[in-house]
Amino acid sequence: MEQDFLEHLNGSSLDRVELIVAIGEVLGNYVPPEDERKIRSFPTVQEAIDYIRKRRRDGGLN
């Protein structure tokens, strides 16, 4: 079973929530639940960053 990056870093469920809130603050927008689940599922931080950049570029996250 593959770990996501927060599990690999021993992140707790509170850490996961705080990460999504921080991402929302940086983006200046609410992160929809489907994006939240996707972001949390990536095995590396870089993959999460790439996804966020792509979603912003495509207009999905403003």
PDB file of N, CA and C in Angstrom:
ATOM      1  N   MET A   1       0.840  -1.185   0.000  1.00  0.00           N
ATOM      2  CA  MET A   1       0.000   0.000   0.000  1.00  0.00           C
ATOM      3  C   MET A   1       0.887   1.252   0.000  1.00  0.00           C
ATOM      4  N   GLU A   2       0.571   2.176  -0.908  1.00  0.00           N
ATOM      5  CA  GLU A   2       1.330   3.401  -1.021  1.00  0.00           C
ATOM      6  C   GLU A   2       0.863   4.424   0.004  1.00  0.00           C
ATOM      7  N   GLN A   3       1.817   5.118   0.590  1.00  0.00           N
ATOM      8  CA  GLN A   3       1.472   6.158   1.563  1.00  0.00           C
ATOM      9  C   GLN A   3       1.355   7.496   0.859  1.00  0.00           C
ATOM     10  N   ASP A   4       0.476   8.366   1.367  1.00  0.00           N
ATOM     11  CA  ASP A   4       0.500   9.725   0.861  1.00  0.00           C
ATOM     12  C   ASP A   4       1.586  10.482   1.619  1.00  0.00           C
ATOM     13  N   PHE A   5       1.914  11.676   1.145  1.00  0.00           N
ATOM     14  CA  PHE A   5       3.043  12.388   1.730  1.00  0.00           C
ATOM     15  C   PHE A   5       2.846  12.741   3.192  1.00  0.00           C
ATOM     16  N   LEU A   6       1.610  12.977   3.622  1.00  0.00           N
ATOM     17  CA  LEU A   6       1.386  13.279   5.038  1.00  0.00           C
ATOM     18  C   LEU A   6       1.585  12.050   5.912  1.00  0.00           C
ATOM     19  N   GLU A   7       1.183  10.900   5.434  1.00  0.00           N
ATOM     20  CA  GLU A   7       1.429   9.672   6.197  1.00  0.00           C
ATOM     21  C   GLU A   7       2.928   9.424   6.294  1.00  0.00           C
ATOM     22  N   HIS A   8       3.617   9.640   5.178  1.00  0.00           N
ATOM     23  CA  HIS A   8       5.066   9.436   5.157  1.00  0.00           C
ATOM     24  C   HIS A   8       5.765  10.366   6.154  1.00  0.00           C
ATOM     25  N   LEU A   9       5.235  11.560   6.305  1.00  0.00           N
ATOM     26  CA  LEU A   9       5.806  12.530   7.244  1.00  0.00           C
ATOM     27  C   LEU A   9       5.204  12.402   8.639  1.00  0.00           C
ATOM     28  N   ASN A  10       4.434  11.329   8.847  1.00  0.00           N
ATOM     29  CA  ASN A  10       3.749  11.091  10.117  1.00  0.00           C
ATOM     30  C   ASN A  10       2.740  12.182  10.443  1.00  0.00           C
ATOM     31  N   GLY A  11       2.089  12.696   9.401  1.00  0.00           N
ATOM     32  CA  GLY A  11       1.072  13.725   9.597  1.00  0.00           C
ATOM     33  C   GLY A  11      -0.209  13.128  10.166  1.00  0.00           C
ATOM     34  N   SER A  12      -0.771  13.807  11.124  1.00  0.00           N
ATOM     35  CA  SER A  12      -2.031  13.362  11.730  1.00  0.00           C
ATOM     36  C   SER A  12      -3.215  13.845  10.897  1.00  0.00           C
ATOM     37  N   SER A  13      -4.418  13.423  11.267  1.00  0.00           N
ATOM     38  CA  SER A  13      -5.593  13.906  10.540  1.00  0.00           C
ATOM     39  C   SER A  13      -5.754  15.413  10.721  1.00  0.00           C
ATOM     40  N   LEU A  14      -5.377  15.931  11.868  1.00  0.00           N
ATOM     41  CA  LEU A  14      -5.421  17.378  12.070  1.00  0.00           C
ATOM     42  C   LEU A  14      -4.434  18.068  11.125  1.00  0.00           C
ATOM     43  N   ASP A  15      -3.253  17.479  10.939  1.00  0.00           N
ATOM     44  CA  ASP A  15      -2.280  18.035   9.993  1.00  0.00           C
ATOM     45  C   ASP A  15      -2.863  18.095   8.591  1.00  0.00           C
ATOM     46  N   ARG A  16      -3.625  17.071   8.228  1.00  0.00           N
ATOM     47  CA  ARG A  16      -4.242  17.035   6.902  1.00  0.00           C
ATOM     48  C   ARG A  16      -5.236  18.183   6.743  1.00  0.00           C
ATOM     49  N   VAL A  17      -6.064  18.391   7.744  1.00  0.00           N
ATOM     50  CA  VAL A  17      -7.043  19.477   7.694  1.00  0.00           C
ATOM     51  C   VAL A  17      -6.324  20.822   7.625  1.00  0.00           C
ATOM     52  N   GLU A  18      -5.304  20.992   8.435  1.00  0.00           N
ATOM     53  CA  GLU A  18      -4.552  22.248   8.449  1.00  0.00           C
ATOM     54  C   GLU A  18      -3.883  22.506   7.103  1.00  0.00           C
ATOM     55  N   LEU A  19      -3.402  21.449   6.459  1.00  0.00           N
ATOM     56  CA  LEU A  19      -2.787  21.598   5.144  1.00  0.00           C
ATOM     57  C   LEU A  19      -3.802  22.119   4.132  1.00  0.00           C
ATOM     58  N   ILE A  20      -4.980  21.536   4.120  1.00  0.00           N
ATOM     59  CA  ILE A  20      -6.002  21.961   3.164  1.00  0.00           C
ATOM     60  C   ILE A  20      -6.448  23.392   3.448  1.00  0.00           C
ATOM     61  N   VAL A  21      -6.578  23.756   4.717  1.00  0.00           N
ATOM     62  CA  VAL A  21      -6.927  25.133   5.078  1.00  0.00           C
ATOM     63  C   VAL A  21      -5.833  26.088   4.606  1.00  0.00           C
ATOM     64  N   ALA A  22      -4.578  25.716   4.806  1.00  0.00           N
ATOM     65  CA  ALA A  22      -3.456  26.556   4.373  1.00  0.00           C
ATOM     66  C   ALA A  22      -3.441  26.712   2.858  1.00  0.00           C
ATOM     67  N   ILE A  23      -3.714  25.630   2.140  1.00  0.00           N
ATOM     68  CA  ILE A  23      -3.773  25.711   0.683  1.00  0.00           C
ATOM     69  C   ILE A  23      -4.878  26.671   0.271  1.00  0.00           C
ATOM     70  N   GLY A  24      -6.021  26.563   0.915  1.00  0.00           N
ATOM     71  CA  GLY A  24      -7.121  27.479   0.623  1.00  0.00           C
ATOM     72  C   GLY A  24      -6.751  28.927   0.890  1.00  0.00           C
ATOM     73  N   GLU A  25      -6.026  29.175   1.964  1.00  0.00           N
ATOM     74  CA  GLU A  25      -5.610  30.543   2.292  1.00  0.00           C
ATOM     75  C   GLU A  25      -4.642  31.081   1.248  1.00  0.00           C
ATOM     76  N   VAL A  26      -3.708  30.254   0.828  1.00  0.00           N
ATOM     77  CA  VAL A  26      -2.733  30.668  -0.189  1.00  0.00           C
ATOM     78  C   VAL A  26      -3.445  30.970  -1.502  1.00  0.00           C
ATOM     79  N   LEU A  27      -4.408  30.130  -1.848  1.00  0.00           N
ATOM     80  CA  LEU A  27      -5.141  30.330  -3.097  1.00  0.00           C
ATOM     81  C   LEU A  27      -6.178  31.427  -2.981  1.00  0.00           C
ATOM     82  N   GLY A  28      -6.502  31.815  -1.740  1.00  0.00           N
ATOM     83  CA  GLY A  28      -7.529  32.818  -1.537  1.00  0.00           C
ATOM     84  C   GLY A  28      -8.907  32.294  -1.880  1.00  0.00           C
ATOM     85  N   ASN A  29      -9.079  30.996  -1.691  1.00  0.00           N
ATOM     86  CA  ASN A  29     -10.341  30.387  -2.090  1.00  0.00           C
ATOM     87  C   ASN A  29     -10.583  29.122  -1.287  1.00  0.00           C
ATOM     88  N   TYR A  30     -11.819  28.694  -1.307  1.00  0.00           N
ATOM     89  CA  TYR A  30     -12.233  27.436  -0.697  1.00  0.00           C
ATOM     90  C   TYR A  30     -11.735  26.287  -1.571  1.00  0.00           C
ATOM     91  N   VAL A  31     -11.248  25.215  -0.950  1.00  0.00           N
ATOM     92  CA  VAL A  31     -10.824  24.024  -1.689  1.00  0.00           C
ATOM     93  C   VAL A  31     -11.981  23.026  -1.651  1.00  0.00           C
ATOM     94  N   PRO A  32     -12.579  22.738  -2.814  1.00  0.00           N
ATOM     95  CA  PRO A  32     -13.707  21.799  -2.859  1.00  0.00           C
ATOM     96  C   PRO A  32     -13.308  20.416  -2.360  1.00  0.00           C
ATOM     97  N   PRO A  33     -14.254  19.671  -1.780  1.00  0.00           N
ATOM     98  CA  PRO A  33     -13.942  18.347  -1.232  1.00  0.00           C
ATOM     99  C   PRO A  33     -13.277  17.398  -2.230  1.00  0.00           C
ATOM    100  N   GLU A  34     -13.693  17.445  -3.505  1.00  0.00           N
ATOM    101  CA  GLU A  34     -13.068  16.539  -4.472  1.00  0.00           C
ATOM    102  C   GLU A  34     -11.595  16.875  -4.683  1.00  0.00           C
ATOM    103  N   ASP A  35     -11.252  18.172  -4.640  1.00  0.00           N
ATOM    104  CA  ASP A  35      -9.842  18.558  -4.749  1.00  0.00           C
ATOM    105  C   ASP A  35      -9.095  18.232  -3.462  1.00  0.00           C
ATOM    106  N   GLU A  36      -9.761  18.421  -2.346  1.00  0.00           N
ATOM    107  CA  GLU A  36      -9.147  18.097  -1.053  1.00  0.00           C
ATOM    108  C   GLU A  36      -8.731  16.633  -1.017  1.00  0.00           C
ATOM    109  N   ARG A  37      -9.639  15.747  -1.405  1.00  0.00           N
ATOM    110  CA  ARG A  37      -9.317  14.309  -1.403  1.00  0.00           C
ATOM    111  C   ARG A  37      -8.168  14.013  -2.350  1.00  0.00           C
ATOM    112  N   LYS A  38      -8.178  14.632  -3.514  1.00  0.00           N
ATOM    113  CA  LYS A  38      -7.128  14.400  -4.506  1.00  0.00           C
ATOM    114  C   LYS A  38      -5.780  14.885  -3.975  1.00  0.00           C
ATOM    115  N   ILE A  39      -5.747  16.075  -3.420  1.00  0.00           N
ATOM    116  CA  ILE A  39      -4.499  16.647  -2.904  1.00  0.00           C
ATOM    117  C   ILE A  39      -3.916  15.754  -1.807  1.00  0.00           C
ATOM    118  N   ARG A  40      -4.793  15.288  -0.910  1.00  0.00           N
ATOM    119  CA  ARG A  40      -4.313  14.442   0.195  1.00  0.00           C
ATOM    120  C   ARG A  40      -3.830  13.074  -0.271  1.00  0.00           C
ATOM    121  N   SER A  41      -4.240  12.646  -1.453  1.00  0.00           N
ATOM    122  CA  SER A  41      -3.904  11.300  -1.908  1.00  0.00           C
ATOM    123  C   SER A  41      -2.530  11.188  -2.568  1.00  0.00           C
ATOM    124  N   PHE A  42      -1.919  12.292  -2.913  1.00  0.00           N
ATOM    125  CA  PHE A  42      -0.649  12.221  -3.621  1.00  0.00           C
ATOM    126  C   PHE A  42       0.468  11.693  -2.731  1.00  0.00           C
ATOM    127  N   PRO A  43       1.336  10.842  -3.303  1.00  0.00           N
ATOM    128  CA  PRO A  43       2.434  10.290  -2.510  1.00  0.00           C
ATOM    129  C   PRO A  43       3.552  11.297  -2.237  1.00  0.00           C
ATOM    130  N   THR A  44       3.631  12.370  -3.035  1.00  0.00           N
ATOM    131  CA  THR A  44       4.694  13.353  -2.813  1.00  0.00           C
ATOM    132  C   THR A  44       4.117  14.764  -2.763  1.00  0.00           C
ATOM    133  N   VAL A  45       4.835  15.640  -2.088  1.00  0.00           N
ATOM    134  CA  VAL A  45       4.442  17.045  -2.012  1.00  0.00           C
ATOM    135  C   VAL A  45       4.469  17.659  -3.409  1.00  0.00           C
ATOM    136  N   GLN A  46       5.475  17.298  -4.204  1.00  0.00           N
ATOM    137  CA  GLN A  46       5.591  17.865  -5.549  1.00  0.00           C
ATOM    138  C   GLN A  46       4.374  17.550  -6.403  1.00  0.00           C
ATOM    139  N   GLU A  47       3.847  16.344  -6.302  1.00  0.00           N
ATOM    140  CA  GLU A  47       2.648  15.987  -7.060  1.00  0.00           C
ATOM    141  C   GLU A  47       1.455  16.830  -6.620  1.00  0.00           C
ATOM    142  N   ALA A  48       1.345  17.097  -5.332  1.00  0.00           N
ATOM    143  CA  ALA A  48       0.264  17.948  -4.829  1.00  0.00           C
ATOM    144  C   ALA A  48       0.415  19.370  -5.369  1.00  0.00           C
ATOM    145  N   ILE A  49       1.631  19.889  -5.362  1.00  0.00           N
ATOM    146  CA  ILE A  49       1.898  21.231  -5.885  1.00  0.00           C
ATOM    147  C   ILE A  49       1.566  21.299  -7.375  1.00  0.00           C
ATOM    148  N   ASP A  50       2.001  20.295  -8.120  1.00  0.00           N
ATOM    149  CA  ASP A  50       1.725  20.266  -9.564  1.00  0.00           C
ATOM    150  C   ASP A  50       0.222  20.243  -9.839  1.00  0.00           C
ATOM    151  N   TYR A  51      -0.515  19.469  -9.057  1.00  0.00           N
ATOM    152  CA  TYR A  51      -1.965  19.387  -9.219  1.00  0.00           C
ATOM    153  C   TYR A  51      -2.609  20.746  -8.946  1.00  0.00           C
ATOM    154  N   ILE A  52      -2.207  21.395  -7.864  1.00  0.00           N
ATOM    155  CA  ILE A  52      -2.768  22.703  -7.509  1.00  0.00           C
ATOM    156  C   ILE A  52      -2.475  23.714  -8.609  1.00  0.00           C
ATOM    157  N   ARG A  53      -1.245  23.723  -9.113  1.00  0.00           N
ATOM    158  CA  ARG A  53      -0.883  24.647 -10.196  1.00  0.00           C
ATOM    159  C   ARG A  53      -1.729  24.398 -11.441  1.00  0.00           C
ATOM    160  N   LYS A  54      -1.900  23.138 -11.787  1.00  0.00           N
ATOM    161  CA  LYS A  54      -2.700  22.799 -12.968  1.00  0.00           C
ATOM    162  C   LYS A  54      -4.154  23.227 -12.776  1.00  0.00           C
ATOM    163  N   ARG A  55      -4.721  22.956 -11.612  1.00  0.00           N
ATOM    164  CA  ARG A  55      -6.111  23.341 -11.347  1.00  0.00           C
ATOM    165  C   ARG A  55      -6.275  24.861 -11.397  1.00  0.00           C
ATOM    166  N   ARG A  56      -5.298  25.574 -10.888  1.00  0.00           N
ATOM    167  CA  ARG A  56      -5.373  27.046 -10.943  1.00  0.00           C
ATOM    168  C   ARG A  56      -5.285  27.525 -12.372  1.00  0.00           C
ATOM    169  N   ARG A  57      -4.364  26.929 -13.137  1.00  0.00           N
ATOM    170  CA  ARG A  57      -4.176  27.310 -14.550  1.00  0.00           C
ATOM    171  C   ARG A  57      -5.445  27.020 -15.354  1.00  0.00           C
ATOM    172  N   ASP A  58      -6.097  25.907 -15.049  1.00  0.00           N
ATOM    173  CA  ASP A  58      -7.319  25.505 -15.756  1.00  0.00           C
ATOM    174  C   ASP A  58      -8.555  26.245 -15.250  1.00  0.00           C
ATOM    175  N   GLY A  59      -8.384  27.046 -14.200  1.00  0.00           N
ATOM    176  CA  GLY A  59      -9.500  27.820 -13.654  1.00  0.00           C
ATOM    177  C   GLY A  59     -10.326  27.089 -12.613  1.00  0.00           C
ATOM    178  N   GLY A  60      -9.877  25.903 -12.180  1.00  0.00           N
ATOM    179  CA  GLY A  60     -10.629  25.132 -11.200  1.00  0.00           C
ATOM    180  C   GLY A  60     -10.471  25.653  -9.782  1.00  0.00           C
ATOM    181  N   LEU A  61      -9.316  26.166  -9.478  1.00  0.00           N
ATOM    182  CA  LEU A  61      -9.059  26.782  -8.163  1.00  0.00           C
ATOM    183  C   LEU A  61      -8.596  28.203  -8.441  1.00  0.00           C
ATOM    184  N   ASN A  62      -9.274  29.176  -7.884  1.00  0.00           N
ATOM    185  CA  ASN A  62      -8.917  30.573  -8.140  1.00  0.00           C
ATOM    186  C   ASN A  62      -8.158  31.149  -6.991  1.00  0.00           C
TER     187      ASN A  62
END
